[in-house]
Amino acid sequence: MRYFFIIYLLLAVLVVSIGGFRGDKFKNTPIRIFQDMDEQDRINPQQASDFFSDGLGARQPVEETVPQGLEPASIADASTQSFANDNSYYHNGMYDDQVLGTGLPIKELELTEENLPAFINRGKIVFNANCSGCHGISGNGKGVVASYGVPGVINLITSELPDGGKYDVIVNGRGNMSAFGYQIDLKDRWAIIAYLQALQYSRKAPLDLVKDAYEAGSAK
């Protein structure tokens, strides 16, 4: 048993002498059993580089480069995610890139009385597929995720966030909500907002305007 403790002590001293105490500072290159990409060829931000003739490490994208999955603004339409610094309300939900707006960009969406119901129904489909898991089918914030105790799920029916704010949250996320701009295209984002408008209005619409629809739904 005595030899066991002696050997154990020697092994401990050997490990400490090779690896050093945690938090110690030393100038020698540390011994790494697993490299974990600690050492790699890269250029830090704003760092010069002798590899390029102009000495600049930071490089501009090749001319006419477009991120994968996007299209140049010159050929993009409402069904795609355009690659542009467009500051219009239609593209970012803000006026002058500062003030969150309210309402739908009707002109850009080419909405009419005839196609508006189909547009709202499209919003319902996209909402149910991407948003209802957290916010609930009715948008009241009591979806499946909330039932597991996840905090911070917003009740979209009582939310006072303007339409432009909702658009911004869809694209960039907020709090515990991830950004969905990468998977919900431009027109579908506004379709979701149109559907939310319909949900909010349905909670405060005069009975005489929704009586027929209510009774038809109750009869099913």
Protein backbone atom coordinates (compact mmCIF):
# COMPACT_ATOMS: atom_id res chain seq x y z
CA MET A 1 0.00 0.00 0.00
CA ARG A 2 2.90 2.29 0.82
CA TYR A 3 4.34 1.89 -2.68
CA PHE A 4 0.94 2.64 -4.16
CA PHE A 5 0.80 6.04 -2.47
CA ILE A 6 4.39 6.79 -3.48
CA ILE A 7 3.65 5.97 -7.11
CA TYR A 8 0.40 7.95 -6.95
CA LEU A 9 2.24 10.97 -5.55
CA LEU A 10 4.94 10.75 -8.24
CA LEU A 11 2.29 10.60 -10.95
CA ALA A 12 0.55 13.65 -9.52
CA VAL A 13 3.82 15.60 -9.44
CA LEU A 14 4.53 14.52 -13.03
CA VAL A 15 1.12 15.68 -14.26
CA VAL A 16 1.38 19.03 -12.48
CA SER A 17 4.92 19.59 -13.74
CA ILE A 18 3.84 18.95 -17.35
CA GLY A 19 0.49 20.73 -17.33
CA GLY A 20 1.07 23.39 -14.71
CA PHE A 21 -1.43 24.65 -12.16
CA ARG A 22 -4.72 25.91 -13.56
CA GLY A 23 -4.53 29.66 -14.01
CA ASP A 24 -0.71 29.86 -13.98
CA LYS A 25 0.86 32.15 -16.56
CA PHE A 26 4.01 31.10 -18.38
CA LYS A 27 5.76 32.02 -21.61
CA ASN A 28 6.35 28.53 -22.92
CA THR A 29 3.96 27.00 -25.44
CA PRO A 30 1.53 24.77 -23.50
CA ILE A 31 1.38 21.06 -24.16
CA ARG A 32 -1.96 20.21 -25.72
CA ILE A 33 -3.06 16.61 -26.10
CA PHE A 34 -6.12 17.72 -28.06
CA GLN A 35 -5.48 20.78 -30.20
CA ASP A 36 -9.18 21.82 -30.49
CA MET A 37 -8.21 24.26 -33.26
CA ASP A 38 -6.34 26.48 -30.78
CA GLU A 39 -3.58 26.95 -33.32
CA GLN A 40 -4.75 27.77 -36.84
CA ASP A 41 -3.81 29.97 -39.74
CA ARG A 42 -6.00 33.03 -39.56
CA ILE A 43 -5.89 36.80 -39.61
CA ASN A 44 -7.30 38.82 -36.75
CA PRO A 45 -9.69 41.69 -37.50
CA GLN A 46 -7.87 44.80 -38.82
CA GLN A 47 -4.60 42.85 -38.93
CA ALA A 48 -2.11 43.45 -41.72
CA SER A 49 -1.05 40.62 -43.99
CA ASP A 50 2.03 40.20 -46.15
CA PHE A 51 0.17 37.71 -48.33
CA PHE A 52 -1.72 40.43 -50.22
CA SER A 53 -0.02 43.13 -52.26
CA ASP A 54 -1.89 45.95 -50.50
CA GLY A 55 -0.97 44.59 -47.07
CA LEU A 56 -4.59 44.46 -45.90
CA GLY A 57 -5.77 41.32 -44.14
CA ALA A 58 -9.46 42.21 -44.36
CA ARG A 59 -10.69 41.57 -47.89
CA GLN A 60 -13.73 42.88 -49.70
CA PRO A 61 -16.01 40.26 -51.33
CA VAL A 62 -15.37 39.53 -54.97
CA GLU A 63 -17.31 41.89 -57.20
CA GLU A 64 -20.97 40.89 -57.72
CA THR A 65 -20.77 38.37 -54.85
CA VAL A 66 -24.18 37.49 -53.41
CA PRO A 67 -24.73 35.50 -50.18
CA GLN A 68 -25.98 31.99 -50.75
CA GLY A 69 -29.76 31.80 -50.85
CA LEU A 70 -30.24 35.51 -51.61
CA GLU A 71 -30.60 37.48 -54.83
CA PRO A 72 -29.42 40.93 -55.89
CA ALA A 73 -32.04 43.60 -55.20
CA SER A 74 -32.19 44.41 -58.91
CA ILE A 75 -33.77 41.05 -59.75
CA ALA A 76 -35.35 40.09 -56.41
CA ASP A 77 -39.11 40.20 -56.02
CA ALA A 78 -41.48 40.05 -53.08
CA SER A 79 -41.18 36.26 -52.80
CA THR A 80 -37.41 36.27 -52.19
CA GLN A 81 -35.00 37.67 -49.68
CA SER A 82 -33.28 40.50 -51.50
CA PHE A 83 -29.63 41.38 -50.95
CA ALA A 84 -29.78 45.13 -50.53
CA ASN A 85 -29.39 47.94 -48.03
CA ASP A 86 -32.97 48.96 -48.63
CA ASN A 87 -34.25 51.18 -45.83
CA SER A 88 -37.86 51.12 -46.93
CA TYR A 89 -40.66 50.14 -44.56
CA TYR A 90 -41.37 47.14 -46.77
CA HIS A 91 -37.88 45.74 -46.17
CA ASN A 92 -37.22 46.53 -42.51
CA GLY A 93 -40.46 47.65 -40.85
CA MET A 94 -39.09 51.13 -40.16
CA TYR A 95 -39.42 54.61 -41.61
CA ASP A 96 -36.12 56.41 -42.19
CA ASP A 97 -34.41 53.38 -40.64
CA GLN A 98 -35.42 54.65 -37.18
CA VAL A 99 -39.17 54.74 -36.52
CA LEU A 100 -41.13 51.49 -36.29
CA GLY A 101 -44.18 51.77 -38.53
CA THR A 102 -47.73 50.50 -38.33
CA GLY A 103 -49.80 48.89 -41.05
CA LEU A 104 -49.02 46.81 -44.11
CA PRO A 105 -47.01 48.05 -47.11
CA ILE A 106 -50.06 47.57 -49.34
CA LYS A 107 -48.49 48.96 -52.50
CA GLU A 108 -45.40 46.76 -52.39
CA LEU A 109 -47.47 43.69 -51.46
CA GLU A 110 -49.95 44.52 -54.24
CA LEU A 111 -52.87 43.84 -51.91
CA THR A 112 -56.45 44.28 -53.04
CA GLU A 113 -59.84 43.44 -51.56
CA GLU A 114 -59.87 40.34 -53.74
CA ASN A 115 -56.49 38.86 -52.74
CA LEU A 116 -56.37 40.06 -49.11
CA PRO A 117 -58.26 37.00 -47.70
CA ALA A 118 -55.83 34.65 -49.46
CA PHE A 119 -52.90 36.71 -48.15
CA ILE A 120 -54.20 36.47 -44.57
CA ASN A 121 -54.76 32.73 -44.98
CA ARG A 122 -51.17 32.42 -46.19
CA GLY A 123 -50.10 34.19 -43.00
CA LYS A 124 -52.10 31.69 -40.96
CA ILE A 125 -50.30 28.77 -42.64
CA VAL A 126 -46.84 30.27 -42.09
CA PHE A 127 -47.71 31.30 -38.51
CA ASN A 128 -48.92 27.82 -37.58
CA ALA A 129 -45.80 26.27 -39.09
CA ASN A 130 -43.24 28.58 -37.50
CA CYS A 131 -44.78 30.49 -34.59
CA SER A 132 -47.62 28.53 -32.98
CA GLY A 133 -45.30 26.14 -31.15
CA CYS A 134 -44.37 29.00 -28.81
CA HIS A 135 -47.15 31.57 -29.23
CA GLY A 136 -50.06 29.14 -29.55
CA ILE A 137 -52.52 28.65 -32.40
CA SER A 138 -54.48 31.70 -31.26
CA GLY A 139 -51.35 33.77 -30.62
CA ASN A 140 -52.03 34.03 -26.88
CA GLY A 141 -48.53 32.89 -25.88
CA LYS A 142 -49.66 29.51 -24.56
CA GLY A 143 -48.10 27.16 -27.07
CA VAL A 144 -46.39 23.83 -26.47
CA VAL A 145 -43.14 25.51 -25.44
CA ALA A 146 -44.88 27.56 -22.74
CA SER A 147 -46.36 24.38 -21.26
CA TYR A 148 -42.80 23.26 -20.50
CA GLY A 149 -42.22 26.37 -18.44
CA VAL A 150 -40.15 28.38 -20.93
CA PRO A 151 -40.49 32.04 -19.84
CA GLY A 152 -40.87 35.17 -21.94
CA VAL A 153 -43.32 33.94 -24.61
CA ILE A 154 -45.28 37.00 -25.70
CA ASN A 155 -49.05 37.14 -25.99
CA LEU A 156 -49.36 38.48 -29.52
CA ILE A 157 -53.05 39.28 -29.14
CA THR A 158 -52.52 41.85 -26.38
CA SER A 159 -49.10 42.99 -27.56
CA GLU A 160 -48.85 46.71 -28.29
CA LEU A 161 -45.74 46.29 -30.42
CA PRO A 162 -46.30 48.07 -33.76
CA ASP A 163 -46.42 46.08 -36.97
CA GLY A 164 -42.92 47.22 -37.90
CA GLY A 165 -41.70 45.99 -34.53
CA LYS A 166 -43.27 42.58 -35.12
CA TYR A 167 -41.53 42.47 -38.51
CA ASP A 168 -38.19 43.31 -36.87
CA VAL A 169 -38.64 40.58 -34.25
CA ILE A 170 -39.49 38.01 -36.93
CA VAL A 171 -36.32 38.88 -38.84
CA ASN A 172 -33.84 39.46 -36.00
CA GLY A 173 -35.39 37.74 -32.98
CA ARG A 174 -35.63 39.16 -29.46
CA GLY A 175 -35.01 37.77 -25.99
CA ASN A 176 -35.42 33.99 -26.04
CA MET A 177 -36.81 34.07 -29.58
CA SER A 178 -34.39 33.19 -32.36
CA ALA A 179 -34.23 35.11 -35.63
CA PHE A 180 -36.46 33.68 -38.35
CA GLY A 181 -35.37 35.95 -41.18
CA TYR A 182 -33.30 33.15 -42.67
CA GLN A 183 -36.28 30.84 -43.14
CA ILE A 184 -39.32 33.12 -43.57
CA ASP A 185 -39.14 35.15 -46.76
CA LEU A 186 -40.05 38.78 -47.17
CA LYS A 187 -43.66 38.47 -48.26
CA ASP A 188 -44.48 35.72 -45.74
CA ARG A 189 -43.28 37.93 -42.89
CA TRP A 190 -45.92 40.50 -43.80
CA ALA A 191 -48.47 37.73 -44.27
CA ILE A 192 -47.90 36.69 -40.65
CA ILE A 193 -48.41 40.27 -39.52
CA ALA A 194 -51.63 40.51 -41.56
CA TYR A 195 -52.85 37.33 -39.87
CA LEU A 196 -51.98 38.72 -36.44
CA GLN A 197 -53.94 41.85 -37.28
CA ALA A 198 -56.93 39.63 -38.09
CA LEU A 199 -56.50 37.72 -34.81
CA GLN A 200 -56.34 40.93 -32.81
CA TYR A 201 -59.36 42.41 -34.56
CA SER A 202 -61.37 39.23 -34.05
CA ARG A 203 -61.11 39.73 -30.28
CA LYS A 204 -62.70 43.18 -30.37
CA ALA A 205 -64.83 43.15 -33.52
CA PRO A 206 -68.51 44.15 -33.11
CA LEU A 207 -70.77 41.12 -32.82
CA ASP A 208 -72.94 42.13 -35.78
CA LEU A 209 -69.89 41.97 -38.05
CA VAL A 210 -68.77 38.50 -36.98
CA LYS A 211 -72.09 36.97 -35.92
CA ASP A 212 -72.56 34.91 -39.08
CA ALA A 213 -69.01 33.60 -39.04
CA TYR A 214 -69.23 32.81 -35.32
CA GLU A 215 -72.46 30.89 -35.69
CA ALA A 216 -71.15 29.00 -38.71
CA GLY A 217 -68.10 27.95 -36.72
CA SER A 218 -70.17 26.93 -33.71
CA ALA A 219 -72.42 24.76 -35.87
CA LYS A 220 -69.51 22.61 -37.05
